[in-house]
């Protein structure tokens, strides 16, 4: 993969990863709600409200963690001063 050796292309890819991470973090409540609605349909459409809230919080937290990992990885790659030249 020779194109990954170019520092400008790597910074661009890192920027894209960071933007995706930021998107996931900022939209985690909406994405979590969509995922929870999908889960609710898959279990028959009826579930205890406490279980629903647990699943909602779990999905939101999952999107936040994944987004944080993407954001951290992207920003770390962009700000890394060790360019292999």
Protein backbone atom coordinates (compact mmCIF):
# COMPACT_ATOMS: atom_id res chain seq x y z
CA UNK A 1 0.00 0.00 0.00
CA UNK A 2 2.23 2.74 -1.28
CA UNK A 3 -0.44 5.43 -1.16
CA UNK A 4 -0.46 5.24 2.65
CA UNK A 5 3.21 6.25 2.76
CA UNK A 6 2.39 9.74 1.51
CA UNK A 7 1.99 11.96 4.63
CA UNK A 8 -0.60 14.23 2.96
CA UNK A 9 -2.83 11.30 2.02
CA UNK A 10 -2.49 9.83 5.50
CA UNK A 11 -3.47 13.15 7.07
CA UNK A 12 -6.50 13.32 4.77
CA UNK A 13 -7.56 9.78 5.75
CA UNK A 14 -6.98 10.67 9.41
CA UNK A 15 -9.15 13.76 9.00
CA UNK A 16 -11.94 11.64 7.51
CA UNK A 17 -11.70 9.18 10.43
CA UNK A 18 -11.81 12.06 12.93
CA UNK A 19 -14.86 13.60 11.22
CA UNK A 20 -16.65 10.23 11.27
CA UNK A 21 -15.85 9.95 14.98
CA UNK A 22 -17.19 13.43 15.66
CA UNK A 23 -20.34 12.60 13.69
CA UNK A 24 -20.88 9.42 15.73
CA UNK A 25 -20.41 11.26 19.02
CA UNK A 26 -22.73 14.14 18.14
CA UNK A 27 -25.42 11.90 16.65
CA UNK A 28 -25.20 9.10 19.21
CA UNK A 29 -28.63 9.86 20.76
CA UNK A 30 -30.37 9.71 17.38
CA UNK A 31 -28.43 6.65 16.23
CA UNK A 32 -29.07 4.97 19.59
CA UNK A 33 -32.77 5.66 19.30
CA UNK A 34 -32.88 4.19 15.80
CA UNK A 35 -30.99 1.08 16.96
CA UNK A 36 -33.26 0.69 19.99
CA UNK A 37 -36.36 0.97 17.82
CA UNK A 38 -34.95 -1.72 15.56
CA UNK A 39 -34.26 -3.93 18.58
CA UNK A 40 -37.78 -3.36 19.87
CA UNK A 41 -39.28 -4.44 16.54
CA UNK A 42 -37.08 -7.56 16.55
CA UNK A 43 -38.39 -8.67 19.96
CA UNK A 44 -42.01 -8.29 18.93
CA UNK A 45 -42.69 -4.62 19.62
CA UNK A 46 -43.46 -4.90 23.30
CA UNK A 47 -40.97 -4.68 26.15
CA UNK A 48 -40.72 -3.32 29.67
CA UNK A 49 -39.93 0.41 29.77
CA UNK A 50 -36.95 -0.15 32.10
CA UNK A 51 -35.46 -2.67 29.65
CA UNK A 52 -36.08 -0.23 26.78
CA UNK A 53 -34.24 2.55 28.62
CA UNK A 54 -31.35 0.18 29.41
CA UNK A 55 -31.03 -0.76 25.75
CA UNK A 56 -31.28 2.89 24.69
CA UNK A 57 -28.48 3.92 27.05
CA UNK A 58 -26.39 0.96 25.93
CA UNK A 59 -26.73 1.80 22.26
CA UNK A 60 -25.99 5.49 22.86
CA UNK A 61 -22.92 4.60 24.92
CA UNK A 62 -21.74 2.22 22.20
CA UNK A 63 -21.93 4.91 19.54
CA UNK A 64 -20.12 7.36 21.82
CA UNK A 65 -17.29 4.90 22.52
CA UNK A 66 -16.85 4.01 18.85
CA UNK A 67 -16.96 7.70 17.92
CA UNK A 68 -14.42 8.57 20.61
CA UNK A 69 -12.05 5.89 19.36
CA UNK A 70 -12.35 7.15 15.78
CA UNK A 71 -11.93 10.78 16.84
CA UNK A 72 -8.92 10.05 19.03
CA UNK A 73 -7.26 7.89 16.39
CA UNK A 74 -7.83 10.45 13.65
CA UNK A 75 -6.65 13.42 15.68
CA UNK A 76 -3.64 11.54 17.03
CA UNK A 77 -2.63 10.64 13.47
CA UNK A 78 -3.08 14.22 12.27
CA UNK A 79 -1.13 15.75 15.16
CA UNK A 80 1.61 13.12 15.22
CA UNK A 81 4.91 14.91 14.55
CA UNK A 82 6.79 11.73 13.49
CA UNK A 83 6.38 11.89 9.72
CA UNK A 84 8.32 9.03 8.20
CA UNK A 85 10.19 10.83 5.44
